[in-house]
């Protein structure tokens, strides 16, 4: 399964929490037009 989380401009705290929670997962971050797309490959 692949989940996508999108945050705009307020991604710093979210990214920090997400990295801790999903530390065992493969995380891919892509920035498109100022939007942060985080892909979790489970």
C-alpha atoms as a PDB file:
ATOM      1  CA  UNK A   1       0.000   0.000   0.000  1.00  0.00           C
ATOM      2  CA  UNK A   2       1.094   3.555  -0.683  1.00  0.00           C
ATOM      3  CA  UNK A   3      -0.168   6.513   1.326  1.00  0.00           C
ATOM      4  CA  UNK A   4       0.295  10.145   0.400  1.00  0.00           C
ATOM      5  CA  UNK A   5       0.325  13.032   2.855  1.00  0.00           C
ATOM      6  CA  UNK A   6       0.267  16.580   1.540  1.00  0.00           C
ATOM      7  CA  UNK A   7       1.027  19.649   3.620  1.00  0.00           C
ATOM      8  CA  UNK A   8       1.433  23.241   2.479  1.00  0.00           C
ATOM      9  CA  UNK A   9       3.867  25.613   4.224  1.00  0.00           C
ATOM     10  CA  UNK A  10       3.207  23.978   7.615  1.00  0.00           C
ATOM     11  CA  UNK A  11       5.075  20.760   6.938  1.00  0.00           C
ATOM     12  CA  UNK A  12       8.047  21.193   9.297  1.00  0.00           C
ATOM     13  CA  UNK A  13       6.387  19.974  12.514  1.00  0.00           C
ATOM     14  CA  UNK A  14       4.345  17.399  10.598  1.00  0.00           C
ATOM     15  CA  UNK A  15       7.465  16.042   8.907  1.00  0.00           C
ATOM     16  CA  UNK A  16       9.208  15.756  12.263  1.00  0.00           C
ATOM     17  CA  UNK A  17       6.295  13.790  13.770  1.00  0.00           C
ATOM     18  CA  UNK A  18       5.894  11.679  10.645  1.00  0.00           C
ATOM     19  CA  UNK A  19       9.578  10.774  10.564  1.00  0.00           C
ATOM     20  CA  UNK A  20       9.340   9.518  14.154  1.00  0.00           C
ATOM     21  CA  UNK A  21       6.124   7.571  13.631  1.00  0.00           C
ATOM     22  CA  UNK A  22       7.034   6.113  10.244  1.00  0.00           C
ATOM     23  CA  UNK A  23      10.746   5.717  10.917  1.00  0.00           C
ATOM     24  CA  UNK A  24      10.596   2.067   9.884  1.00  0.00           C
ATOM     25  CA  UNK A  25       9.070   2.881   6.510  1.00  0.00           C
ATOM     26  CA  UNK A  26      10.623   4.066   3.269  1.00  0.00           C
ATOM     27  CA  UNK A  27       9.912   7.780   3.030  1.00  0.00           C
ATOM     28  CA  UNK A  28      10.104   9.736  -0.190  1.00  0.00           C
ATOM     29  CA  UNK A  29       9.671  13.506  -0.197  1.00  0.00           C
ATOM     30  CA  UNK A  30       8.836  15.482  -3.308  1.00  0.00           C
ATOM     31  CA  UNK A  31       8.317  19.225  -3.498  1.00  0.00           C
ATOM     32  CA  UNK A  32       6.011  20.481  -6.250  1.00  0.00           C
ATOM     33  CA  UNK A  33       5.070  24.153  -6.541  1.00  0.00           C
ATOM     34  CA  UNK A  34       5.624  24.741  -2.823  1.00  0.00           C
ATOM     35  CA  UNK A  35       3.538  21.714  -1.858  1.00  0.00           C
ATOM     36  CA  UNK A  36       5.150  18.902   0.083  1.00  0.00           C
ATOM     37  CA  UNK A  37       4.218  15.387  -0.998  1.00  0.00           C
ATOM     38  CA  UNK A  38       5.396  12.590   1.268  1.00  0.00           C
ATOM     39  CA  UNK A  39       5.149   9.044  -0.031  1.00  0.00           C
ATOM     40  CA  UNK A  40       5.189   6.121   2.383  1.00  0.00           C
ATOM     41  CA  UNK A  41       6.059   2.865   0.645  1.00  0.00           C
ATOM     42  CA  UNK A  42       4.947   0.046   2.896  1.00  0.00           C
END
